[in-house]
Amino acid sequence: MVLNNKGQAMVFGLMIAVFVFLAAVAIIAPLKDNIAIARNADNLDCDNSTITTETRATCLIVGLYMPYFIAAVLAGGVGFVFARRVT
C-alpha cells in the first residue's frame, strides 16, 4: 500500500497523537499523587476553613491543574493530527 504525502502525514500524526496520549496517561497517576500531597494538612491545608485568601486561591489553582492538564494534552494531540491534515 502506497500513501501520498497527505496520507503519510496523517499516519505520522496519528502515531504522535497516540504517543502523547500514552505519555499523558502514564503521567496522570504521579501527578494526582503530587496534587494530593500539595493539598494535604502538612502543606497547603486546603480543608482548613481559616486559611488566607491567597492560600484558598492557590488551593483552587492546584485543584484545577488536573483537568487543565488533560484538556491541554487532548487539544495538543488533536491539533497536531489536524494541523498535519490541513497542510
Protein backbone atom coordinates (compact mmCIF):
# COMPACT_ATOMS: atom_id res chain seq x y z
CA MET A 1 0.00 0.00 0.00
CA VAL A 2 1.49 3.30 -1.12
CA LEU A 3 0.36 6.54 0.53
CA ASN A 4 0.74 10.04 -0.84
CA ASN A 5 2.25 12.83 1.28
CA LYS A 6 -1.04 13.73 2.98
CA GLY A 7 -1.69 10.08 3.85
CA GLN A 8 1.80 9.70 5.28
CA ALA A 9 1.38 12.90 7.30
CA MET A 10 -1.94 11.64 8.67
CA VAL A 11 -0.47 8.30 9.74
CA PHE A 12 2.51 10.07 11.30
CA GLY A 13 0.18 12.48 13.11
CA LEU A 14 -1.90 9.62 14.48
CA MET A 15 1.24 7.87 15.73
CA ILE A 16 2.39 11.02 17.52
CA ALA A 17 -1.09 11.60 18.98
CA VAL A 18 -1.20 8.03 20.35
CA PHE A 19 2.27 8.50 21.85
CA VAL A 20 1.25 11.79 23.50
CA PHE A 21 -1.91 10.16 24.85
CA LEU A 22 0.02 7.21 26.32
CA ALA A 23 2.61 9.54 27.86
CA ALA A 24 -0.16 11.63 29.42
CA VAL A 25 -1.84 8.52 30.85
CA ALA A 26 1.49 7.47 32.37
CA ILE A 27 1.96 10.90 33.95
CA ILE A 28 -1.56 11.20 35.42
CA ALA A 29 -1.05 8.87 38.42
CA PRO A 30 2.09 10.59 39.80
CA LEU A 31 0.57 13.98 39.06
CA LYS A 32 -2.55 13.06 41.01
CA ASP A 33 -0.42 11.96 43.97
CA ASN A 34 1.55 15.22 43.90
CA ILE A 35 -1.66 17.25 43.87
CA ALA A 36 -2.94 15.30 46.89
CA ILE A 37 0.35 15.86 48.71
CA ALA A 38 0.24 19.60 47.96
CA ARG A 39 -3.32 19.94 49.25
CA ASN A 40 -2.92 17.93 52.50
CA ALA A 41 -2.80 19.34 56.03
CA ASP A 42 1.01 19.50 56.18
CA ASN A 43 1.38 21.72 53.11
CA LEU A 44 -1.44 23.98 51.88
CA ASP A 45 -4.07 22.66 54.31
CA CYS A 46 -6.90 23.22 51.86
CA ASP A 47 -9.53 21.65 54.15
CA ASN A 48 -8.97 24.27 56.85
CA SER A 49 -11.67 26.95 56.90
CA THR A 50 -9.40 29.62 58.45
CA ILE A 51 -6.77 29.80 55.70
CA THR A 52 -5.99 33.08 53.95
CA THR A 53 -7.48 34.17 50.65
CA GLU A 54 -4.14 33.65 48.91
CA THR A 55 -3.94 30.06 50.15
CA ARG A 56 -7.52 29.43 49.04
CA ALA A 57 -6.68 30.73 45.56
CA THR A 58 -3.60 28.50 45.48
CA CYS A 59 -5.72 25.52 46.53
CA LEU A 60 -8.16 26.30 43.73
CA ILE A 61 -5.40 26.53 41.13
CA VAL A 62 -3.75 23.32 42.34
CA GLY A 63 -7.13 21.57 42.27
CA LEU A 64 -7.79 22.67 38.70
CA TYR A 65 -4.38 21.54 37.45
CA MET A 66 -5.50 18.01 36.50
CA PRO A 67 -8.47 18.99 34.27
CA TYR A 68 -6.37 21.66 32.55
CA PHE A 69 -3.54 19.16 32.01
CA ILE A 70 -5.91 16.64 30.42
CA ALA A 71 -7.54 19.31 28.25
CA ALA A 72 -4.16 20.62 27.08
CA VAL A 73 -2.93 17.14 26.17
CA LEU A 74 -6.11 16.32 24.27
CA ALA A 75 -6.12 19.67 22.48
CA GLY A 76 -2.46 19.31 21.58
CA GLY A 77 -2.89 15.79 20.22
CA VAL A 78 -5.98 16.64 18.18
CA GLY A 79 -4.39 19.87 16.97
CA PHE A 80 -1.29 18.02 15.85
CA VAL A 81 -3.33 15.46 13.91
CA PHE A 82 -5.48 18.04 12.17
CA ALA A 83 -2.64 20.52 11.56
CA ARG A 84 -0.85 17.85 9.58
CA ARG A 85 -4.05 17.05 7.70
CA VAL A 86 -4.77 20.63 6.63
CA THR A 87 -1.32 21.45 5.28
